[in-house]
Every structure is written in structure tokens, then in C-alpha cells.
Amino acid sequence: MKQPLLLLMLLLGAGSLAAQAYPPFGPDHELKLNAGLFLATGAAELSYERFLGDDVSLGGSVYWDNDRYDYNGNFGIGPNLRAYFGYAPRSGFFAEAFGLYYKGEEEIASAPGTRVAERYNGFALGLGAGSKWTTRSQRFTLELYGGVGRSLNPEPYQEDFIFRAGLNIGVRF
């Protein structure tokens, strides 16, 4: 009788001794505002990020700009996939792959005093990198990143590159 009871107590005790390198993280969602882009150009960009694990996340961004002749257009939306390489989970250096659908207008040479524009929309794929810092509570984040992408279509804009950069301020929930 003593041996089965002792074996049962050892099995139950071994389960409680299992250790983790980091405590489990609660907030898996993050909402960010690109404050750097807003201060530099007046454009607004909001991003959402969903953590799939301690080192991988899936997210998306949407931006709009009052200048429809801007190099990235006046509206864009797209997904991104990030991999984190920092020592702490969900922060540190990261690399990302992103897609971006964008639209805008391009000014065409016209007679003096008139403005003629051609509307366009396109899709781009690109790569980026950056770094993310979090508070001790893992509630607030600061992120600095940049990236470049290649426009895939339409035909006249296939030679163009798009650029992404920012200083994001975020909150996790």
C-alpha cells in the first residue's frame, strides 16, 4: 500500500515542479499608432498585432493621407508577419514580411494653371526590420521600424518601390 501511494505522490509532485523560462503572457493583442509618421508627414497609420506565440505575430496596418499625390498614395491597407529575435518574448529585434494595397493619384503634365491627375491602385510585397521595447507590465510598447517593398502591379508602376517607416506607440490588451 505504501509503494503505490508513494508513486502517486511522486508523479503529482513532479508535475508541480515543471518550470518555465518566462511567465505566461496574458495580452495577446496590440493596437498601435504610428506617431513618427504623423509628426513627419501628417498621415495617420493604425496597426493591429496578434501574437501567435512568444516569437511570432500576425498583424495588419491601415493608413490614410490627405495628400493624394504622396509617394505611397493616400490610402493603404495590408497584412504583416513578424518573427521576434529578442531575449525577452514579444519584444526586441524583429523581421517582417508585409503586403500592401495602396491607391492614390499621379499628376500628369498639363497646361499652366490646370491640374490633371491619373488615379492608380497597386499591390506591393516587402521586407522590414525593427525593434520593440515593452514596459515591465507588458502593457505599453514603443517600436521603431523600417522596410521597403516592390510594387507588383499595375504595369506603369512596376518599377516603383514603396517605403514603410515609423515610430509606433502601442497598448496591449
C-alpha atoms as a PDB file:
ATOM      1  CA  MET A   1       0.000   0.000   0.000  1.00  0.00           C
ATOM      2  CA  LYS A   2       2.854   2.373   0.767  1.00  0.00           C
ATOM      3  CA  GLN A   3       4.544   1.910  -2.630  1.00  0.00           C
ATOM      4  CA  PRO A   4       1.533   2.876  -4.846  1.00  0.00           C
ATOM      5  CA  LEU A   5       0.811   5.859  -2.595  1.00  0.00           C
ATOM      6  CA  LEU A   6       4.443   6.962  -2.759  1.00  0.00           C
ATOM      7  CA  LEU A   7       4.474   6.573  -6.552  1.00  0.00           C
ATOM      8  CA  LEU A   8       1.276   8.638  -6.879  1.00  0.00           C
ATOM      9  CA  MET A   9       2.714  11.411  -4.687  1.00  0.00           C
ATOM     10  CA  LEU A  10       5.945  11.492  -6.758  1.00  0.00           C
ATOM     11  CA  LEU A  11       4.014  11.779 -10.033  1.00  0.00           C
ATOM     12  CA  LEU A  12       1.826  14.592  -8.716  1.00  0.00           C
ATOM     13  CA  GLY A  13       4.835  16.393  -7.233  1.00  0.00           C
ATOM     14  CA  ALA A  14       6.832  16.159 -10.481  1.00  0.00           C
ATOM     15  CA  GLY A  15       4.041  17.945 -12.352  1.00  0.00           C
ATOM     16  CA  SER A  16       4.210  20.883  -9.977  1.00  0.00           C
ATOM     17  CA  LEU A  17       7.998  21.176 -10.363  1.00  0.00           C
ATOM     18  CA  ALA A  18       7.820  21.889 -14.111  1.00  0.00           C
ATOM     19  CA  ALA A  19       9.431  25.288 -14.715  1.00  0.00           C
ATOM     20  CA  GLN A  20       9.035  27.840 -17.489  1.00  0.00           C
ATOM     21  CA  ALA A  21      11.670  30.265 -18.698  1.00  0.00           C
ATOM     22  CA  TYR A  22       9.135  33.119 -18.721  1.00  0.00           C
ATOM     23  CA  PRO A  23       5.793  33.565 -17.037  1.00  0.00           C
ATOM     24  CA  PRO A  24       2.772  33.114 -19.319  1.00  0.00           C
ATOM     25  CA  PHE A  25       1.788  36.291 -21.104  1.00  0.00           C
ATOM     26  CA  GLY A  26      -1.792  37.493 -20.905  1.00  0.00           C
ATOM     27  CA  PRO A  27      -2.356  40.212 -23.513  1.00  0.00           C
ATOM     28  CA  ASP A  28      -2.169  38.693 -26.995  1.00  0.00           C
ATOM     29  CA  HIS A  29      -3.470  41.759 -28.855  1.00  0.00           C
ATOM     30  CA  GLU A  30      -1.720  45.053 -29.527  1.00  0.00           C
ATOM     31  CA  LEU A  31      -3.073  48.277 -31.038  1.00  0.00           C
ATOM     32  CA  LYS A  32      -0.517  50.837 -32.281  1.00  0.00           C
ATOM     33  CA  LEU A  33      -0.425  54.396 -33.619  1.00  0.00           C
ATOM     34  CA  ASN A  34       2.449  55.465 -35.870  1.00  0.00           C
ATOM     35  CA  ALA A  35       3.331  58.718 -34.104  1.00  0.00           C
ATOM     36  CA  GLY A  36       6.527  59.202 -36.139  1.00  0.00           C
ATOM     37  CA  LEU A  37       4.688  59.185 -39.473  1.00  0.00           C
ATOM     38  CA  PHE A  38       2.036  61.527 -38.110  1.00  0.00           C
ATOM     39  CA  LEU A  39       4.611  64.028 -36.837  1.00  0.00           C
ATOM     40  CA  ALA A  40       6.710  63.872 -40.032  1.00  0.00           C
ATOM     41  CA  THR A  41       4.008  63.963 -42.727  1.00  0.00           C
ATOM     42  CA  GLY A  42       0.600  64.391 -41.099  1.00  0.00           C
ATOM     43  CA  ALA A  43      -0.506  60.937 -42.317  1.00  0.00           C
ATOM     44  CA  ALA A  44      -2.274  58.616 -39.891  1.00  0.00           C
ATOM     45  CA  GLU A  45      -1.452  54.916 -39.565  1.00  0.00           C
ATOM     46  CA  LEU A  46      -3.072  52.445 -37.189  1.00  0.00           C
ATOM     47  CA  SER A  47      -1.829  48.884 -36.744  1.00  0.00           C
ATOM     48  CA  TYR A  48      -3.064  45.762 -35.011  1.00  0.00           C
ATOM     49  CA  GLU A  49      -0.887  42.827 -33.982  1.00  0.00           C
ATOM     50  CA  ARG A  50      -1.986  39.399 -32.729  1.00  0.00           C
ATOM     51  CA  PHE A  51       0.675  37.256 -31.065  1.00  0.00           C
ATOM     52  CA  LEU A  52       0.553  33.621 -32.149  1.00  0.00           C
ATOM     53  CA  GLY A  53       3.341  32.668 -29.723  1.00  0.00           C
ATOM     54  CA  ASP A  54       6.218  34.257 -27.852  1.00  0.00           C
ATOM     55  CA  ASP A  55       8.176  34.998 -31.023  1.00  0.00           C
ATOM     56  CA  VAL A  56       5.666  35.167 -33.927  1.00  0.00           C
ATOM     57  CA  SER A  57       2.833  37.576 -34.656  1.00  0.00           C
ATOM     58  CA  LEU A  58       0.364  38.332 -37.417  1.00  0.00           C
ATOM     59  CA  GLY A  59      -0.940  41.841 -37.928  1.00  0.00           C
ATOM     60  CA  GLY A  60      -2.221  44.493 -40.255  1.00  0.00           C
ATOM     61  CA  SER A  61      -1.989  48.215 -40.903  1.00  0.00           C
ATOM     62  CA  VAL A  62      -4.194  50.857 -42.433  1.00  0.00           C
ATOM     63  CA  TYR A  63      -3.059  54.372 -43.300  1.00  0.00           C
ATOM     64  CA  TRP A  64      -4.529  57.454 -44.910  1.00  0.00           C
ATOM     65  CA  ASP A  65      -3.041  60.720 -46.006  1.00  0.00           C
ATOM     66  CA  ASN A  66      -4.627  63.993 -47.146  1.00  0.00           C
ATOM     67  CA  ASP A  67      -2.009  64.321 -49.899  1.00  0.00           C
ATOM     68  CA  ARG A  68      -3.274  62.068 -52.689  1.00  0.00           C
ATOM     69  CA  TYR A  69      -0.095  62.754 -54.697  1.00  0.00           C
ATOM     70  CA  ASP A  70       2.140  61.303 -51.969  1.00  0.00           C
ATOM     71  CA  TYR A  71       4.652  58.604 -52.965  1.00  0.00           C
ATOM     72  CA  ASN A  72       2.663  55.811 -51.239  1.00  0.00           C
ATOM     73  CA  GLY A  73      -0.732  57.188 -52.244  1.00  0.00           C
ATOM     74  CA  ASN A  74      -3.429  58.493 -49.953  1.00  0.00           C
ATOM     75  CA  PHE A  75      -4.754  55.158 -48.646  1.00  0.00           C
ATOM     76  CA  GLY A  76      -3.202  51.785 -47.901  1.00  0.00           C
ATOM     77  CA  ILE A  77      -4.074  48.573 -46.114  1.00  0.00           C
ATOM     78  CA  GLY A  78      -2.120  45.371 -45.681  1.00  0.00           C
ATOM     79  CA  PRO A  79      -1.042  42.393 -43.551  1.00  0.00           C
ATOM     80  CA  ASN A  80       2.323  41.561 -41.999  1.00  0.00           C
ATOM     81  CA  LEU A  81       4.000  38.548 -40.399  1.00  0.00           C
ATOM     82  CA  ARG A  82       6.705  39.143 -37.796  1.00  0.00           C
ATOM     83  CA  ALA A  83       9.348  36.991 -36.150  1.00  0.00           C
ATOM     84  CA  TYR A  84      10.978  38.268 -32.937  1.00  0.00           C
ATOM     85  CA  PHE A  85      14.605  37.516 -32.084  1.00  0.00           C
ATOM     86  CA  GLY A  86      14.961  39.315 -28.745  1.00  0.00           C
ATOM     87  CA  TYR A  87      15.894  37.786 -25.408  1.00  0.00           C
ATOM     88  CA  ALA A  88      12.523  38.660 -23.908  1.00  0.00           C
ATOM     89  CA  PRO A  89       9.368  37.256 -25.521  1.00  0.00           C
ATOM     90  CA  ARG A  90       7.342  39.521 -27.808  1.00  0.00           C
ATOM     91  CA  SER A  91       9.962  42.261 -27.870  1.00  0.00           C
ATOM     92  CA  GLY A  92      13.433  43.060 -29.159  1.00  0.00           C
ATOM     93  CA  PHE A  93      14.680  42.853 -32.734  1.00  0.00           C
ATOM     94  CA  PHE A  94      12.170  41.633 -35.323  1.00  0.00           C
ATOM     95  CA  ALA A  95      11.983  40.943 -39.050  1.00  0.00           C
ATOM     96  CA  GLU A  96       8.760  41.139 -41.014  1.00  0.00           C
ATOM     97  CA  ALA A  97       7.266  40.315 -44.380  1.00  0.00           C
ATOM     98  CA  PHE A  98       4.402  42.564 -45.430  1.00  0.00           C
ATOM     99  CA  GLY A  99       1.904  43.173 -48.189  1.00  0.00           C
ATOM    100  CA  LEU A 100       0.282  46.495 -49.012  1.00  0.00           C
ATOM    101  CA  TYR A 101      -2.651  47.506 -51.192  1.00  0.00           C
ATOM    102  CA  TYR A 102      -2.482  51.234 -51.893  1.00  0.00           C
ATOM    103  CA  LYS A 103      -4.198  53.843 -54.049  1.00  0.00           C
ATOM    104  CA  GLY A 104      -3.563  57.446 -54.970  1.00  0.00           C
ATOM    105  CA  GLU A 105      -3.202  59.877 -57.837  1.00  0.00           C
ATOM    106  CA  GLU A 106      -0.303  60.936 -60.018  1.00  0.00           C
ATOM    107  CA  GLU A 107      -0.127  64.394 -61.539  1.00  0.00           C
ATOM    108  CA  ILE A 108       0.191  64.415 -65.313  1.00  0.00           C
ATOM    109  CA  ALA A 109       1.955  67.223 -67.171  1.00  0.00           C
ATOM    110  CA  SER A 110      -0.682  69.697 -68.266  1.00  0.00           C
ATOM    111  CA  ALA A 111      -1.124  73.272 -69.367  1.00  0.00           C
ATOM    112  CA  PRO A 112      -0.093  76.001 -66.896  1.00  0.00           C
ATOM    113  CA  GLY A 113      -2.782  76.742 -64.327  1.00  0.00           C
ATOM    114  CA  THR A 114      -4.528  73.392 -64.688  1.00  0.00           C
ATOM    115  CA  ARG A 115      -4.002  70.179 -62.775  1.00  0.00           C
ATOM    116  CA  VAL A 116      -4.756  66.806 -64.347  1.00  0.00           C
ATOM    117  CA  ALA A 117      -4.378  63.634 -62.323  1.00  0.00           C
ATOM    118  CA  GLU A 118      -4.467  59.945 -63.094  1.00  0.00           C
ATOM    119  CA  ARG A 119      -5.763  57.589 -60.406  1.00  0.00           C
ATOM    120  CA  TYR A 120      -3.929  54.373 -59.643  1.00  0.00           C
ATOM    121  CA  ASN A 121      -4.012  51.460 -57.228  1.00  0.00           C
ATOM    122  CA  GLY A 122      -1.472  48.742 -56.691  1.00  0.00           C
ATOM    123  CA  PHE A 123      -0.177  45.951 -54.531  1.00  0.00           C
ATOM    124  CA  ALA A 124       3.320  45.590 -53.110  1.00  0.00           C
ATOM    125  CA  LEU A 125       5.248  42.949 -51.182  1.00  0.00           C
ATOM    126  CA  GLY A 126       8.215  43.791 -48.993  1.00  0.00           C
ATOM    127  CA  LEU A 127      10.514  43.118 -46.079  1.00  0.00           C
ATOM    128  CA  GLY A 128      11.192  45.167 -42.989  1.00  0.00           C
ATOM    129  CA  ALA A 129      13.000  45.120 -39.663  1.00  0.00           C
ATOM    130  CA  GLY A 130      12.877  46.975 -36.393  1.00  0.00           C
ATOM    131  CA  SER A 131      12.970  46.794 -32.640  1.00  0.00           C
ATOM    132  CA  LYS A 132      10.257  46.810 -29.977  1.00  0.00           C
ATOM    133  CA  TRP A 133      10.530  47.748 -26.314  1.00  0.00           C
ATOM    134  CA  THR A 134       7.911  46.998 -23.677  1.00  0.00           C
ATOM    135  CA  THR A 135       7.234  48.181 -20.159  1.00  0.00           C
ATOM    136  CA  ARG A 136       7.684  45.739 -17.279  1.00  0.00           C
ATOM    137  CA  SER A 137       3.954  45.134 -17.167  1.00  0.00           C
ATOM    138  CA  GLN A 138       3.957  44.236 -20.903  1.00  0.00           C
ATOM    139  CA  ARG A 139       1.082  46.724 -21.339  1.00  0.00           C
ATOM    140  CA  PHE A 140       2.698  49.552 -23.331  1.00  0.00           C
ATOM    141  CA  THR A 141       5.140  49.343 -26.226  1.00  0.00           C
ATOM    142  CA  LEU A 142       7.458  51.546 -28.256  1.00  0.00           C
ATOM    143  CA  GLU A 143       8.561  50.356 -31.668  1.00  0.00           C
ATOM    144  CA  LEU A 144      10.958  51.680 -34.305  1.00  0.00           C
ATOM    145  CA  TYR A 145      10.901  50.025 -37.745  1.00  0.00           C
ATOM    146  CA  GLY A 146      11.517  50.456 -41.461  1.00  0.00           C
ATOM    147  CA  GLY A 147      11.005  48.475 -44.632  1.00  0.00           C
ATOM    148  CA  VAL A 148      10.969  48.537 -48.400  1.00  0.00           C
ATOM    149  CA  GLY A 149       8.639  46.809 -50.846  1.00  0.00           C
ATOM    150  CA  ARG A 150       8.327  46.296 -54.570  1.00  0.00           C
ATOM    151  CA  SER A 151       5.160  47.267 -56.439  1.00  0.00           C
ATOM    152  CA  LEU A 152       3.713  44.302 -58.326  1.00  0.00           C
ATOM    153  CA  ASN A 153       1.046  45.999 -60.434  1.00  0.00           C
ATOM    154  CA  PRO A 154      -0.267  47.850 -62.427  1.00  0.00           C
ATOM    155  CA  GLU A 155       2.133  47.880 -65.364  1.00  0.00           C
ATOM    156  CA  PRO A 156       3.273  51.566 -65.298  1.00  0.00           C
ATOM    157  CA  TYR A 157       4.155  51.334 -61.593  1.00  0.00           C
ATOM    158  CA  GLN A 158       6.039  48.019 -61.510  1.00  0.00           C
ATOM    159  CA  GLU A 159       9.379  49.811 -61.324  1.00  0.00           C
ATOM    160  CA  ASP A 160       8.360  51.708 -58.182  1.00  0.00           C
ATOM    161  CA  PHE A 161       9.351  50.921 -54.611  1.00  0.00           C
ATOM    162  CA  ILE A 162       7.297  51.681 -51.533  1.00  0.00           C
ATOM    163  CA  PHE A 163       8.753  52.566 -48.169  1.00  0.00           C
ATOM    164  CA  ARG A 164       7.456  51.953 -44.668  1.00  0.00           C
ATOM    165  CA  ALA A 165       8.891  53.516 -41.549  1.00  0.00           C
ATOM    166  CA  GLY A 166       7.640  54.575 -38.202  1.00  0.00           C
ATOM    167  CA  LEU A 167       7.806  55.126 -34.516  1.00  0.00           C
ATOM    168  CA  ASN A 168       4.813  53.277 -33.065  1.00  0.00           C
ATOM    169  CA  ILE A 169       3.288  53.727 -29.642  1.00  0.00           C
ATOM    170  CA  GLY A 170       1.120  50.796 -28.626  1.00  0.00           C
ATOM    171  CA  VAL A 171      -1.054  49.286 -25.955  1.00  0.00           C
ATOM    172  CA  ARG A 172      -1.642  45.586 -25.345  1.00  0.00           C
ATOM    173  CA  PHE A 173      -4.953  44.134 -24.268  1.00  0.00           C
END
